[in-house]
Amino acid sequence: MKAIMLMFDTLNRRHLPPYGCDWVHAPNFQRLAGRSVVFDQAYVGSMPCMPARRELQTGRYNFLHRSWGPMEPFDDSMPELMKQNGVYSHLVTDHQHYWEDGGGTYHTRYSSFELIRGQEGDPWKGEVADPPMPDMVGMKRMHPMIRQDWVNRQHIREECDFPQAQTMERGLEFIRTNHTEDRWFLQIETFDPHEPFFAPQNYRDLYPHDYNGKHFDWPPYGPVQETEEEIRHVRYEYAALLSMCDHYLGKVLDMMDELDLWKDTLLIVNTDHGYLLGEHDWWAKTIMPFYNEIAHTPLFIWDPRCGKQGERRDALVQTIDLAPTLLEYFGLDIPTNMQGHVLKDTIADNRKVREAALFGLHGGHVNVTDGRYVYMRAPVSKDNTPLYNYTLMPTHMRSRFSVKELQEIALQKPFAFTKGVQTMKIKASGYNQAHSFGTLLYDVVDDPQQQRAIQDADLEQTMIGHLKRLMEQNDAPPEQYERLGI
């Protein structure tokens, strides 16, 4: 038995043909849908990148206890459990957050790993002189990450130079080298189609359109201030990068065909979250509430044991389900701290695994959905307090916690999942904008674009019941209930 996970970052469900998009060139995603089970009710859990990857490994929510950060000493890691129990786990990725302070303990959980450099503002190539840069829309022109990105681009000239192309080729190399061996898990993970939407010209040529504005392939994290022409242009830039992803997905499917891997290889194609491309008058993620463009994700799974293909599933599933699903596939014990569910029977016959799903960002709205309704609970105070990080690994995305942050730490008694270990309790600053958006409730069946928030006191109480029950199951800190006014 073998397993392959092909993971894209920022893969927007609404831009994929299997989910109804009729203008993006992505024939291999359509081909994948014909060879797998397509999930119509897949949702994120913890946002964004590394919190989602902690969930991917641990099978439990991250966002109620801490923000972005490394794996904790008490965490149960899915690839590490494989490594310890006779299943070889390999990661090949160009996701540059893995080698930052806040992600440095993830890739080392695998038996082996390959890291490809050059995505986004990865501090890869060192050049003291400023690179040539165009006038641009969106991110500030001389922001350090923007500058570094343009340094990197000087070394990415042909398609084979692009980090995604190298990542996929290294993944294919692993498959070809090891396809006759048994009991291995391969995670091929590309940062694309995450911004900046930088793709070879041949993919951009798939979307001809008139545009005479400034360079624009990296939207800001904030409200839309750009023109309709600029919005339309950057959506085509995203689509071009998505078409590149589709091309390399096709190469993986071709190798599955060539080596007859369908008979004994589990295939998961997934993402960590979606993205706002001007919808709701916002760009990107993390600041505004998590509308369905962000939270409602694509998911495709082929399980050779049941052989179901070309079918759809409406059971409510999440990122936390993938770790127990993979462990069960290889016959390994599932740690009691994993909250996710094994999807074997859901893949086979649409078995329901949960009544509701929790999702959010540390310090932001806490959200819950039952598949019909989405409830977004905002903090009740403008200062978004009280809020703490509970961790033994005090690092942010690209830095350690500051000396000032660490001067008032306290020890917190163990949570249910910390295996008797105390954690540091450190005052945190949340997203103070969350209060200004207020609490929102949507019927995403009658209003899939979430244009009309509804007022229904009885329904709100039902959704609060789901919210509190799931928070209690996660052993949420007491102040989270106070912060949310529930």
Protein backbone atom coordinates (compact mmCIF):
# COMPACT_ATOMS: atom_id res chain seq x y z
CA MET A 1 0.00 0.00 0.00
CA LYS A 2 1.21 3.48 -0.93
CA ALA A 3 -0.20 7.00 -0.56
CA ILE A 4 0.38 10.26 -2.40
CA MET A 5 -0.85 13.65 -1.23
CA LEU A 6 -0.65 16.42 -3.80
CA MET A 7 -1.19 19.64 -1.88
CA PHE A 8 -1.61 23.07 -3.42
CA ASP A 9 -1.61 26.32 -1.44
CA THR A 10 -4.44 28.84 -1.93
CA LEU A 11 -6.43 26.65 -4.32
CA ASN A 12 -9.75 28.39 -4.87
CA ARG A 13 -12.64 25.94 -5.19
CA ARG A 14 -14.71 28.31 -7.33
CA HIS A 15 -12.02 28.44 -10.01
CA LEU A 16 -12.05 24.67 -10.68
CA PRO A 17 -14.16 23.04 -13.42
CA PRO A 18 -15.31 20.15 -11.16
CA TYR A 19 -16.88 22.78 -8.92
CA GLY A 20 -18.69 24.61 -11.72
CA CYS A 21 -16.12 27.02 -13.17
CA ASP A 22 -16.50 27.28 -16.96
CA TRP A 23 -13.69 29.66 -17.91
CA VAL A 24 -10.48 28.43 -16.20
CA HIS A 25 -8.37 26.02 -18.29
CA ALA A 26 -7.94 23.08 -15.92
CA PRO A 27 -8.72 19.84 -17.80
CA ASN A 28 -6.65 17.69 -15.47
CA PHE A 29 -8.71 18.70 -12.46
CA GLN A 30 -11.73 17.54 -14.44
CA ARG A 31 -9.86 14.34 -15.27
CA LEU A 32 -9.04 13.90 -11.57
CA ALA A 33 -12.71 14.27 -10.67
CA GLY A 34 -13.47 11.35 -12.99
CA ARG A 35 -10.90 9.15 -11.21
CA SER A 36 -11.71 10.06 -7.59
CA VAL A 37 -14.39 11.03 -5.12
CA VAL A 38 -15.10 14.79 -5.08
CA PHE A 39 -16.02 16.35 -1.74
CA ASP A 40 -18.60 19.13 -1.87
CA GLN A 41 -18.49 20.02 1.83
CA ALA A 42 -14.79 20.27 2.70
CA TYR A 43 -13.84 23.10 5.06
CA VAL A 44 -10.67 24.53 6.54
CA GLY A 45 -9.95 24.31 10.24
CA SER A 46 -7.12 26.57 11.41
CA MET A 47 -5.81 29.35 9.24
CA PRO A 48 -3.54 30.17 7.48
CA CYS A 49 -0.54 28.19 6.14
CA MET A 50 1.36 26.67 9.08
CA PRO A 51 -1.63 26.41 11.42
CA ALA A 52 -3.27 24.37 8.65
CA ARG A 53 -0.18 22.17 8.40
CA ARG A 54 -0.14 21.58 12.12
CA GLU A 55 -3.69 20.30 11.70
CA LEU A 56 -2.63 18.21 8.74
CA GLN A 57 -0.07 16.43 10.93
CA THR A 58 -1.87 16.34 14.30
CA GLY A 59 -5.51 15.87 13.28
CA ARG A 60 -6.74 18.51 15.72
CA TYR A 61 -7.59 22.21 15.73
CA ASN A 62 -4.79 24.71 16.35
CA PHE A 63 -6.37 28.16 16.33
CA LEU A 64 -8.07 28.36 19.73
CA HIS A 65 -4.83 27.95 21.68
CA ARG A 66 -2.12 29.63 19.64
CA SER A 67 -1.26 31.47 16.48
CA TRP A 68 1.26 30.59 13.76
CA GLY A 69 4.10 28.48 15.11
CA PRO A 70 6.06 25.21 15.03
CA MET A 71 5.02 21.73 16.00
CA GLU A 72 4.88 21.34 19.79
CA PRO A 73 6.84 18.70 21.77
CA PHE A 74 3.57 17.02 22.80
CA ASP A 75 2.08 16.92 19.28
CA ASP A 76 1.33 13.62 17.57
CA SER A 77 2.68 13.94 14.03
CA MET A 78 1.16 11.78 11.30
CA PRO A 79 4.32 11.50 9.13
CA GLU A 80 6.48 10.91 12.19
CA LEU A 81 4.17 8.14 13.41
CA MET A 82 4.54 6.59 9.97
CA LYS A 83 8.32 6.89 10.17
CA GLN A 84 8.32 5.20 13.57
CA ASN A 85 6.07 2.35 12.43
CA GLY A 86 7.51 1.08 9.18
CA VAL A 87 5.96 3.50 6.68
CA TYR A 88 8.48 5.67 4.82
CA SER A 89 7.31 9.31 4.65
CA HIS A 90 8.82 11.79 2.20
CA LEU A 91 8.07 15.50 1.67
CA VAL A 92 9.03 17.49 -1.38
CA THR A 93 7.97 21.12 -1.27
CA ASP A 94 8.71 24.68 -2.32
CA HIS A 95 6.60 26.09 0.52
CA GLN A 96 9.14 28.51 1.94
CA HIS A 97 7.47 28.85 5.35
CA TYR A 98 8.89 25.43 6.27
CA TRP A 99 12.36 26.93 6.78
CA GLU A 100 11.29 30.00 8.75
CA ASP A 101 11.25 30.28 12.54
CA GLY A 102 7.54 29.47 12.70
CA GLY A 103 7.72 26.36 10.54
CA GLY A 104 11.10 24.81 11.17
CA THR A 105 9.91 21.70 13.01
CA TYR A 106 7.47 20.40 10.41
CA HIS A 107 9.55 18.97 7.57
CA THR A 108 11.88 17.15 9.98
CA ARG A 109 8.99 14.91 11.04
CA TYR A 110 9.27 13.04 7.71
CA SER A 111 11.71 10.23 6.95
CA SER A 112 13.27 12.47 4.33
CA PHE A 113 12.51 15.78 2.64
CA GLU A 114 13.52 18.03 -0.25
CA LEU A 115 13.09 21.81 -0.11
CA ILE A 116 12.98 23.86 -3.31
CA ARG A 117 13.90 27.55 -3.04
CA GLY A 118 12.60 30.73 -4.62
CA GLN A 119 8.88 31.17 -3.91
CA GLU A 120 7.38 34.49 -2.83
CA GLY A 121 9.83 36.50 -0.71
CA ASP A 122 12.03 33.53 0.15
CA PRO A 123 15.45 34.97 1.12
CA TRP A 124 17.11 32.82 -1.50
CA LYS A 125 19.44 34.79 -3.77
CA GLY A 126 21.60 37.51 -2.24
CA GLU A 127 21.96 40.71 -4.25
CA VAL A 128 22.93 44.00 -2.61
CA ALA A 129 21.87 46.18 -5.54
CA ASP A 130 18.14 46.70 -5.98
CA PRO A 131 16.71 44.57 -8.79
CA PRO A 132 14.91 46.11 -11.78
CA MET A 133 11.27 46.47 -10.78
CA PRO A 134 8.22 47.77 -12.66
CA ASP A 135 5.66 50.24 -11.40
CA MET A 136 3.09 48.06 -9.72
CA VAL A 137 -0.35 47.86 -8.18
CA GLY A 138 -1.01 46.12 -4.89
CA MET A 139 1.82 45.42 -2.48
CA LYS A 140 4.19 48.29 -1.69
CA ARG A 141 6.95 48.36 -4.26
CA MET A 142 9.95 48.31 -1.92
CA HIS A 143 8.51 46.15 0.83
CA PRO A 144 11.40 43.76 1.72
CA MET A 145 9.45 40.71 0.55
CA ILE A 146 8.58 42.37 -2.76
CA ARG A 147 12.20 43.36 -3.31
CA GLN A 148 13.41 39.83 -2.53
CA ASP A 149 10.78 38.34 -4.82
CA TRP A 150 12.11 40.42 -7.71
CA VAL A 151 15.65 39.36 -6.88
CA ASN A 152 14.48 35.75 -7.06
CA ARG A 153 12.66 36.30 -10.36
CA GLN A 154 15.90 37.24 -12.07
CA HIS A 155 16.93 33.58 -11.61
CA ILE A 156 13.64 32.09 -12.85
CA ARG A 157 13.69 32.42 -16.61
CA GLU A 158 12.46 29.15 -18.12
CA GLU A 159 9.53 27.03 -16.95
CA CYS A 160 11.94 24.41 -15.62
CA ASP A 161 13.37 27.09 -13.28
CA PHE A 162 10.05 27.71 -11.55
CA PRO A 163 9.88 26.25 -8.03
CA GLN A 164 6.60 24.48 -8.77
CA ALA A 165 8.08 22.75 -11.82
CA GLN A 166 11.08 21.58 -9.79
CA THR A 167 8.88 20.43 -6.91
CA MET A 168 6.67 18.34 -9.16
CA GLU A 169 9.62 16.82 -11.00
CA ARG A 170 11.27 15.81 -7.70
CA GLY A 171 7.99 14.25 -6.60
CA LEU A 172 7.72 12.31 -9.84
CA GLU A 173 11.32 11.20 -9.39
CA PHE A 174 10.45 9.75 -5.97
CA ILE A 175 7.47 7.90 -7.42
CA ARG A 176 9.46 6.42 -10.29
CA THR A 177 12.32 5.40 -8.01
CA ASN A 178 10.09 3.76 -5.40
CA HIS A 179 6.97 2.57 -7.21
CA THR A 180 7.86 -1.11 -6.80
CA GLU A 181 8.39 -0.69 -3.05
CA ASP A 182 5.64 -0.92 -0.44
CA ARG A 183 4.43 1.17 2.51
CA TRP A 184 5.42 4.70 1.67
CA PHE A 185 3.72 8.09 1.84
CA LEU A 186 4.72 10.94 -0.46
CA GLN A 187 3.60 14.52 0.11
CA ILE A 188 4.17 16.71 -2.94
CA GLU A 189 3.40 20.23 -1.85
CA THR A 190 3.66 23.35 -3.95
CA PHE A 191 3.19 26.94 -2.79
CA ASP A 192 1.30 27.72 -6.00
CA PRO A 193 -1.22 29.13 -6.77
CA HIS A 194 -0.44 31.31 -3.73
CA GLU A 195 0.39 34.91 -4.52
CA PRO A 196 2.38 36.35 -6.23
CA PHE A 197 0.65 34.98 -9.32
CA PHE A 198 3.87 34.54 -11.29
CA ALA A 199 3.53 32.02 -14.10
CA PRO A 200 5.31 31.31 -17.40
CA GLN A 201 3.99 33.27 -20.37
CA ASN A 202 2.44 30.23 -22.09
CA TYR A 203 -0.08 29.86 -19.25
CA ARG A 204 -0.84 33.57 -19.25
CA ASP A 205 -1.50 33.32 -22.99
CA LEU A 206 -4.49 31.12 -22.18
CA TYR A 207 -6.26 34.24 -20.90
CA PRO A 208 -5.94 37.00 -23.53
CA HIS A 209 -7.37 40.31 -22.39
CA ASP A 210 -6.79 44.02 -22.82
CA TYR A 211 -4.84 45.52 -19.96
CA ASN A 212 -2.76 48.67 -20.06
CA GLY A 213 -2.25 49.22 -16.35
CA LYS A 214 0.67 48.79 -14.01
CA HIS A 215 2.17 45.42 -13.14
CA PHE A 216 -0.25 43.57 -10.86
CA ASP A 217 0.17 39.95 -9.74
CA TRP A 218 0.34 40.35 -5.95
CA PRO A 219 -2.82 41.70 -4.28
CA PRO A 220 -2.51 43.48 -0.95
CA TYR A 221 -4.03 42.06 2.22
CA GLY A 222 -6.82 44.58 2.61
CA PRO A 223 -9.93 46.17 1.09
CA VAL A 224 -10.21 46.52 -2.68
CA GLN A 225 -9.11 49.93 -3.91
CA GLU A 226 -8.22 48.90 -7.46
CA THR A 227 -10.17 49.47 -10.66
CA GLU A 228 -12.43 46.89 -12.29
CA GLU A 229 -9.80 46.51 -15.02
CA GLU A 230 -7.11 45.75 -12.44
CA ILE A 231 -9.35 43.30 -10.57
CA ARG A 232 -10.15 41.45 -13.78
CA HIS A 233 -6.47 41.36 -14.76
CA VAL A 234 -5.23 39.89 -11.48
CA ARG A 235 -7.95 37.23 -11.63
CA TYR A 236 -6.55 36.17 -15.00
CA GLU A 237 -3.05 36.12 -13.48
CA TYR A 238 -4.34 33.78 -10.76
CA ALA A 239 -6.03 31.62 -13.37
CA ALA A 240 -2.78 31.37 -15.34
CA LEU A 241 -0.94 30.07 -12.29
CA LEU A 242 -3.81 27.67 -11.60
CA SER A 243 -3.49 26.35 -15.15
CA MET A 244 0.19 25.71 -14.46
CA CYS A 245 -0.86 23.72 -11.37
CA ASP A 246 -3.28 21.79 -13.56
CA HIS A 247 -0.51 20.93 -16.01
CA TYR A 248 1.66 19.38 -13.29
CA LEU A 249 -1.33 17.62 -11.74
CA GLY A 250 -1.66 16.00 -15.16
CA LYS A 251 1.91 14.74 -14.94
CA VAL A 252 1.14 13.02 -11.62
CA LEU A 253 -2.00 11.44 -13.10
CA ASP A 254 0.01 10.32 -16.16
CA MET A 255 2.50 8.56 -13.90
CA MET A 256 -0.31 6.93 -11.94
CA ASP A 257 -1.56 5.58 -15.29
CA GLU A 258 1.86 4.57 -16.60
CA LEU A 259 2.91 2.66 -13.48
CA ASP A 260 -0.58 1.28 -12.73
CA LEU A 261 -0.53 2.85 -9.28
CA TRP A 262 -4.31 3.15 -9.08
CA LYS A 263 -4.53 -0.45 -7.87
CA ASP A 264 -2.65 0.09 -4.59
CA THR A 265 -2.08 3.85 -4.07
CA LEU A 266 -4.28 6.24 -2.14
CA LEU A 267 -4.34 9.68 -3.81
CA ILE A 268 -5.37 12.87 -2.00
CA VAL A 269 -5.44 16.24 -3.80
CA ASN A 270 -6.10 19.08 -1.40
CA THR A 271 -5.30 22.61 -0.27
CA ASP A 272 -4.93 24.57 2.95
CA HIS A 273 -7.41 27.36 2.11
CA GLY A 274 -8.87 29.50 -0.66
CA TYR A 275 -8.53 33.22 -1.39
CA LEU A 276 -10.55 36.35 -2.01
CA LEU A 277 -9.94 37.89 -5.43
CA GLY A 278 -12.02 41.00 -4.89
CA GLU A 279 -15.17 39.24 -3.68
CA HIS A 280 -16.80 40.98 -0.71
CA ASP A 281 -14.59 43.96 -1.67
CA TRP A 282 -11.53 42.32 -0.10
CA TRP A 283 -8.29 40.73 -1.16
CA ALA A 284 -6.60 37.63 0.21
CA LYS A 285 -7.28 36.23 3.70
CA THR A 286 -6.73 36.64 7.48
CA ILE A 287 -8.19 40.14 7.99
CA MET A 288 -11.83 39.84 6.97
CA PRO A 289 -14.17 37.05 8.15
CA PHE A 290 -13.53 33.73 6.42
CA TYR A 291 -16.10 33.77 3.65
CA ASN A 292 -16.59 30.60 1.65
CA GLU A 293 -14.09 31.70 -1.01
CA ILE A 294 -11.51 31.12 1.73
CA ALA A 295 -13.04 28.48 4.00
CA HIS A 296 -14.90 26.14 1.63
CA THR A 297 -12.18 24.15 -0.09
CA PRO A 298 -11.77 21.57 -2.87
CA LEU A 299 -10.87 17.98 -1.96
CA PHE A 300 -10.41 14.88 -4.12
CA ILE A 301 -9.61 11.38 -2.81
CA TRP A 302 -9.04 8.07 -4.59
CA ASP A 303 -9.04 5.01 -2.30
CA PRO A 304 -8.06 1.81 -4.12
CA ARG A 305 -9.80 -0.31 -1.47
CA CYS A 306 -13.30 0.76 -2.56
CA GLY A 307 -12.45 1.93 -6.06
CA LYS A 308 -15.11 4.65 -6.10
CA GLN A 309 -14.56 7.20 -8.84
CA GLY A 310 -16.54 9.91 -10.57
CA GLU A 311 -18.76 10.29 -7.52
CA ARG A 312 -19.46 13.17 -5.15
CA ARG A 313 -19.81 13.32 -1.38
CA ASP A 314 -21.74 15.87 0.70
CA ALA A 315 -20.53 14.72 4.14
CA LEU A 316 -18.92 17.56 6.08
CA VAL A 317 -15.14 16.99 6.25
CA GLN A 318 -12.07 19.02 7.28
CA THR A 319 -8.29 19.15 7.15
CA ILE A 320 -8.11 17.45 10.57
CA ASP A 321 -9.56 14.30 8.98
CA LEU A 322 -6.58 13.67 6.71
CA ALA A 323 -4.11 12.51 9.38
CA PRO A 324 -6.35 9.78 10.84
CA THR A 325 -7.43 8.78 7.33
CA LEU A 326 -3.82 8.20 6.29
CA LEU A 327 -2.88 6.40 9.51
CA GLU A 328 -5.87 4.06 9.18
CA TYR A 329 -4.99 3.37 5.55
CA PHE A 330 -1.60 2.00 6.63
CA GLY A 331 -3.11 0.08 9.56
CA LEU A 332 -1.55 2.29 12.24
CA ASP A 333 -3.09 3.22 15.56
CA ILE A 334 -4.73 6.64 15.73
CA PRO A 335 -3.71 8.71 18.78
CA THR A 336 -6.54 9.60 21.12
CA ASN A 337 -5.70 13.30 20.81
CA MET A 338 -6.59 13.35 17.11
CA GLN A 339 -10.04 14.91 16.69
CA GLY A 340 -10.39 14.21 12.99
CA HIS A 341 -12.28 11.26 11.57
CA VAL A 342 -11.24 8.41 9.32
CA LEU A 343 -12.83 9.03 5.91
CA LYS A 344 -12.66 5.45 4.60
CA ASP A 345 -16.42 4.89 4.83
CA THR A 346 -17.19 8.45 3.72
CA ILE A 347 -15.20 7.86 0.55
CA ALA A 348 -16.94 4.53 0.01
CA ASP A 349 -20.55 5.46 0.75
CA ASN A 350 -20.84 9.08 1.99
CA ARG A 351 -20.90 8.20 5.68
CA LYS A 352 -21.48 11.28 7.84
CA VAL A 353 -18.63 11.95 10.28
CA ARG A 354 -19.71 15.18 12.01
CA GLU A 355 -22.70 17.40 12.62
CA ALA A 356 -20.76 20.65 12.45
CA ALA A 357 -17.25 21.93 11.72
CA LEU A 358 -15.26 24.61 13.54
CA PHE A 359 -12.81 26.93 11.76
CA GLY A 360 -10.97 30.18 12.29
CA LEU A 361 -7.83 32.17 12.98
CA HIS A 362 -6.26 32.77 16.38
CA GLY A 363 -7.67 36.06 17.59
CA GLY A 364 -10.20 36.35 14.76
CA HIS A 365 -13.79 35.24 14.35
CA VAL A 366 -14.59 31.74 15.57
CA ASN A 367 -16.74 30.12 12.90
CA VAL A 368 -18.93 27.06 12.66
CA THR A 369 -20.86 25.45 9.83
CA ASP A 370 -23.31 22.58 9.62
CA GLY A 371 -23.07 22.56 5.82
CA ARG A 372 -26.23 24.65 5.39
CA TYR A 373 -25.45 27.62 7.60
CA VAL A 374 -22.19 29.40 8.41
CA TYR A 375 -22.02 31.31 11.68
CA MET A 376 -19.15 33.75 12.26
CA ARG A 377 -18.85 34.83 15.89
CA ALA A 378 -16.94 38.11 16.36
CA PRO A 379 -15.13 39.25 19.51
CA VAL A 380 -17.38 41.44 21.63
CA SER A 381 -14.80 44.12 22.48
CA LYS A 382 -12.82 46.43 20.22
CA ASP A 383 -9.53 45.47 21.84
CA ASN A 384 -10.26 41.76 21.22
CA THR A 385 -9.32 40.66 24.72
CA PRO A 386 -8.65 38.51 26.61
CA LEU A 387 -6.39 36.51 24.31
CA TYR A 388 -3.31 34.36 24.97
CA ASN A 389 -0.90 32.07 23.16
CA TYR A 390 -0.32 28.71 24.82
CA THR A 391 2.93 27.24 23.56
CA LEU A 392 6.33 25.78 24.36
CA MET A 393 7.66 26.98 20.99
CA PRO A 394 7.38 30.79 21.13
CA THR A 395 7.97 31.84 17.53
CA HIS A 396 5.93 33.84 15.08
CA MET A 397 6.03 33.37 11.31
CA ARG A 398 9.48 34.84 10.71
CA SER A 399 10.72 35.69 14.19
CA ARG A 400 11.02 34.49 17.73
CA PHE A 401 8.74 36.03 20.35
CA SER A 402 10.26 39.32 21.44
CA VAL A 403 11.87 39.83 24.82
CA LYS A 404 8.99 42.15 25.71
CA GLU A 405 6.40 39.47 24.88
CA LEU A 406 8.22 36.97 27.08
CA GLN A 407 8.61 39.21 30.13
CA GLU A 408 5.16 38.43 31.52
CA ILE A 409 4.76 34.74 30.79
CA ALA A 410 2.96 32.40 33.15
CA LEU A 411 2.74 28.63 33.25
CA GLN A 412 -0.60 27.14 32.25
CA LYS A 413 -1.82 23.87 33.70
CA PRO A 414 -1.93 21.07 31.11
CA PHE A 415 -4.66 20.97 28.51
CA ALA A 416 -6.33 17.67 27.67
CA PHE A 417 -4.04 17.20 24.65
CA THR A 418 -0.66 18.28 26.10
CA LYS A 419 0.03 14.90 27.76
CA GLY A 420 0.43 16.32 31.23
CA VAL A 421 2.78 19.07 30.05
CA GLN A 422 2.36 22.68 31.13
CA THR A 423 2.64 25.37 28.47
CA MET A 424 3.63 29.00 28.58
CA LYS A 425 0.71 31.44 28.70
CA ILE A 426 1.68 34.57 26.77
CA LYS A 427 -0.50 37.60 26.16
CA ALA A 428 -1.38 37.84 22.46
CA SER A 429 -2.62 40.57 20.16
CA GLY A 430 -5.46 39.49 17.89
CA TYR A 431 -7.00 40.96 14.80
CA ASN A 432 -8.76 44.02 16.19
CA GLN A 433 -10.58 44.50 12.88
CA ALA A 434 -12.68 41.40 13.65
CA HIS A 435 -14.93 43.31 16.04
CA SER A 436 -15.79 45.88 13.37
CA PHE A 437 -17.20 43.23 11.03
CA GLY A 438 -19.58 41.99 13.71
CA THR A 439 -21.16 38.58 14.07
CA LEU A 440 -22.56 37.16 10.82
CA LEU A 441 -24.91 34.31 9.90
CA TYR A 442 -25.42 33.03 6.35
CA ASP A 443 -27.52 30.42 4.60
CA VAL A 444 -24.94 29.19 2.09
CA VAL A 445 -27.45 27.01 0.23
CA ASP A 446 -29.88 29.82 -0.60
CA ASP A 447 -27.11 32.45 -0.64
CA PRO A 448 -23.87 30.72 -1.74
CA GLN A 449 -22.14 34.06 -2.41
CA GLN A 450 -22.85 35.16 1.18
CA GLN A 451 -24.33 38.48 0.12
CA ARG A 452 -27.22 38.59 2.61
CA ALA A 453 -26.52 38.06 6.32
CA ILE A 454 -29.63 36.79 8.07
CA GLN A 455 -31.13 37.53 11.47
CA ASP A 456 -32.70 34.54 13.19
CA ALA A 457 -32.39 34.34 16.97
CA ASP A 458 -33.40 30.68 17.24
CA LEU A 459 -31.03 29.60 14.48
CA GLU A 460 -28.23 31.65 16.04
CA GLN A 461 -28.71 29.83 19.33
CA THR A 462 -28.50 26.50 17.50
CA MET A 463 -25.23 27.54 15.87
CA ILE A 464 -23.87 28.84 19.19
CA GLY A 465 -24.65 25.40 20.59
CA HIS A 466 -22.50 23.80 17.88
CA LEU A 467 -19.78 26.37 18.52
CA LYS A 468 -19.62 25.81 22.27
CA ARG A 469 -19.77 22.03 21.97
CA LEU A 470 -16.84 21.93 19.55
CA MET A 471 -14.85 24.43 21.60
CA GLU A 472 -15.37 22.28 24.69
CA GLN A 473 -14.26 19.17 22.79
CA ASN A 474 -11.11 21.09 21.84
CA ASP A 475 -10.52 22.07 25.50
CA ALA A 476 -10.60 25.73 24.49
CA PRO A 477 -9.13 28.18 27.03
CA PRO A 478 -11.80 29.84 29.23
CA GLU A 479 -11.03 33.32 27.95
CA GLN A 480 -12.07 32.37 24.43
CA TYR A 481 -15.69 32.15 25.64
CA GLU A 482 -15.30 35.54 27.32
CA ARG A 483 -13.72 37.07 24.21
CA LEU A 484 -16.69 35.90 22.13
CA GLY A 485 -19.34 36.75 24.71
CA ILE A 486 -20.74 33.25 24.93
